[in-house]
């Protein structure tokens, strides 16, 4: 994990396609609202897709899992 993510209030954000292990996007965010903003920035129709959120406060991580059909919505 990035050392900046260990500071209070910061989380390591990981966005993945559900069922796959590779990352689509990773960066540091300030919480769930910031994670949503980042998802909207990198993926078209982010709010229209059925995605799952997970937050691990012990390791300061937020996960967003996108359904496979979302993969084609990546911005070019």
C-alpha atoms as a PDB file:
ATOM      1  CA  UNK A   1       0.000   0.000   0.000  1.00  0.00           C
ATOM      2  CA  UNK A   2       1.162   3.505  -0.757  1.00  0.00           C
ATOM      3  CA  UNK A   3       2.557   5.206   2.371  1.00  0.00           C
ATOM      4  CA  UNK A   4       0.296   8.218   1.786  1.00  0.00           C
ATOM      5  CA  UNK A   5      -2.729   5.935   2.162  1.00  0.00           C
ATOM      6  CA  UNK A   6      -1.741   5.100   5.723  1.00  0.00           C
ATOM      7  CA  UNK A   7      -2.471   8.644   6.873  1.00  0.00           C
ATOM      8  CA  UNK A   8      -5.748   9.054   8.781  1.00  0.00           C
ATOM      9  CA  UNK A   9      -8.723   9.452   6.472  1.00  0.00           C
ATOM     10  CA  UNK A  10      -7.022   8.222   3.294  1.00  0.00           C
ATOM     11  CA  UNK A  11      -7.823   4.919   1.598  1.00  0.00           C
ATOM     12  CA  UNK A  12      -6.184   2.889  -1.150  1.00  0.00           C
ATOM     13  CA  UNK A  13      -8.905   2.577  -3.825  1.00  0.00           C
ATOM     14  CA  UNK A  14      -8.942  -0.466  -6.116  1.00  0.00           C
ATOM     15  CA  UNK A  15     -11.371  -0.783  -9.040  1.00  0.00           C
ATOM     16  CA  UNK A  16     -11.691  -4.236 -10.604  1.00  0.00           C
ATOM     17  CA  UNK A  17     -13.921  -6.216 -12.950  1.00  0.00           C
ATOM     18  CA  UNK A  18     -15.892  -8.700 -10.873  1.00  0.00           C
ATOM     19  CA  UNK A  19     -14.427 -12.208 -11.145  1.00  0.00           C
ATOM     20  CA  UNK A  20     -11.005 -11.015 -12.316  1.00  0.00           C
ATOM     21  CA  UNK A  21      -7.871 -10.424 -10.274  1.00  0.00           C
ATOM     22  CA  UNK A  22      -6.237  -7.643 -12.304  1.00  0.00           C
ATOM     23  CA  UNK A  23      -6.783  -3.994 -11.397  1.00  0.00           C
ATOM     24  CA  UNK A  24      -8.437  -1.522 -13.752  1.00  0.00           C
ATOM     25  CA  UNK A  25      -7.543   1.474 -11.639  1.00  0.00           C
ATOM     26  CA  UNK A  26      -5.786   2.193  -8.339  1.00  0.00           C
ATOM     27  CA  UNK A  27      -5.242   5.435  -6.468  1.00  0.00           C
ATOM     28  CA  UNK A  28      -5.553   7.036  -3.037  1.00  0.00           C
ATOM     29  CA  UNK A  29      -8.915   8.522  -2.068  1.00  0.00           C
ATOM     30  CA  UNK A  30     -10.461  10.245   0.940  1.00  0.00           C
ATOM     31  CA  UNK A  31     -13.482   7.964   1.452  1.00  0.00           C
ATOM     32  CA  UNK A  32     -16.551   6.528  -0.290  1.00  0.00           C
ATOM     33  CA  UNK A  33     -17.732   9.828  -1.778  1.00  0.00           C
ATOM     34  CA  UNK A  34     -14.292  10.411  -3.276  1.00  0.00           C
ATOM     35  CA  UNK A  35     -14.210   6.793  -4.547  1.00  0.00           C
ATOM     36  CA  UNK A  36     -17.516   7.371  -6.359  1.00  0.00           C
ATOM     37  CA  UNK A  37     -16.165  10.573  -7.923  1.00  0.00           C
ATOM     38  CA  UNK A  38     -13.108   8.681  -9.145  1.00  0.00           C
ATOM     39  CA  UNK A  39     -15.281   5.873 -10.570  1.00  0.00           C
ATOM     40  CA  UNK A  40     -17.384   8.421 -12.449  1.00  0.00           C
ATOM     41  CA  UNK A  41     -14.210  10.034 -13.799  1.00  0.00           C
ATOM     42  CA  UNK A  42     -12.724   6.801 -15.204  1.00  0.00           C
ATOM     43  CA  UNK A  43     -15.840   4.863 -16.318  1.00  0.00           C
ATOM     44  CA  UNK A  44     -18.747   5.958 -18.483  1.00  0.00           C
ATOM     45  CA  UNK A  45     -22.188   5.329 -17.009  1.00  0.00           C
ATOM     46  CA  UNK A  46     -20.638   4.420 -13.642  1.00  0.00           C
ATOM     47  CA  UNK A  47     -23.792   5.287 -11.698  1.00  0.00           C
ATOM     48  CA  UNK A  48     -26.014   3.319 -14.091  1.00  0.00           C
ATOM     49  CA  UNK A  49     -24.101   0.067 -13.522  1.00  0.00           C
ATOM     50  CA  UNK A  50     -24.726  -2.390 -10.719  1.00  0.00           C
ATOM     51  CA  UNK A  51     -21.429  -2.257  -8.875  1.00  0.00           C
ATOM     52  CA  UNK A  52     -20.364  -3.460  -5.439  1.00  0.00           C
ATOM     53  CA  UNK A  53     -18.442  -1.465  -2.842  1.00  0.00           C
ATOM     54  CA  UNK A  54     -16.312  -2.831  -0.047  1.00  0.00           C
ATOM     55  CA  UNK A  55     -14.386  -0.977   2.615  1.00  0.00           C
ATOM     56  CA  UNK A  56     -11.707  -2.414   4.856  1.00  0.00           C
ATOM     57  CA  UNK A  57     -11.069   0.144   7.563  1.00  0.00           C
ATOM     58  CA  UNK A  58      -8.311  -1.902   9.224  1.00  0.00           C
ATOM     59  CA  UNK A  59      -6.129  -1.736   6.102  1.00  0.00           C
ATOM     60  CA  UNK A  60      -7.600   1.552   4.848  1.00  0.00           C
ATOM     61  CA  UNK A  61      -8.845   0.130   1.527  1.00  0.00           C
ATOM     62  CA  UNK A  62     -11.932   0.639  -0.615  1.00  0.00           C
ATOM     63  CA  UNK A  63     -12.813  -1.845  -3.359  1.00  0.00           C
ATOM     64  CA  UNK A  64     -15.206  -1.240  -6.247  1.00  0.00           C
ATOM     65  CA  UNK A  65     -16.194  -4.319  -8.242  1.00  0.00           C
ATOM     66  CA  UNK A  66     -17.738  -3.654 -11.648  1.00  0.00           C
ATOM     67  CA  UNK A  67     -19.756  -6.221 -13.563  1.00  0.00           C
ATOM     68  CA  UNK A  68     -17.979  -7.574 -16.693  1.00  0.00           C
ATOM     69  CA  UNK A  69     -20.128  -5.670 -19.177  1.00  0.00           C
ATOM     70  CA  UNK A  70     -18.789  -2.468 -17.594  1.00  0.00           C
ATOM     71  CA  UNK A  71     -15.315  -3.218 -19.022  1.00  0.00           C
ATOM     72  CA  UNK A  72     -16.357  -1.878 -22.434  1.00  0.00           C
ATOM     73  CA  UNK A  73     -17.347   1.409 -20.795  1.00  0.00           C
ATOM     74  CA  UNK A  74     -13.726   2.430 -20.130  1.00  0.00           C
ATOM     75  CA  UNK A  75     -12.927   5.874 -21.399  1.00  0.00           C
ATOM     76  CA  UNK A  76     -10.475   5.922 -24.279  1.00  0.00           C
END
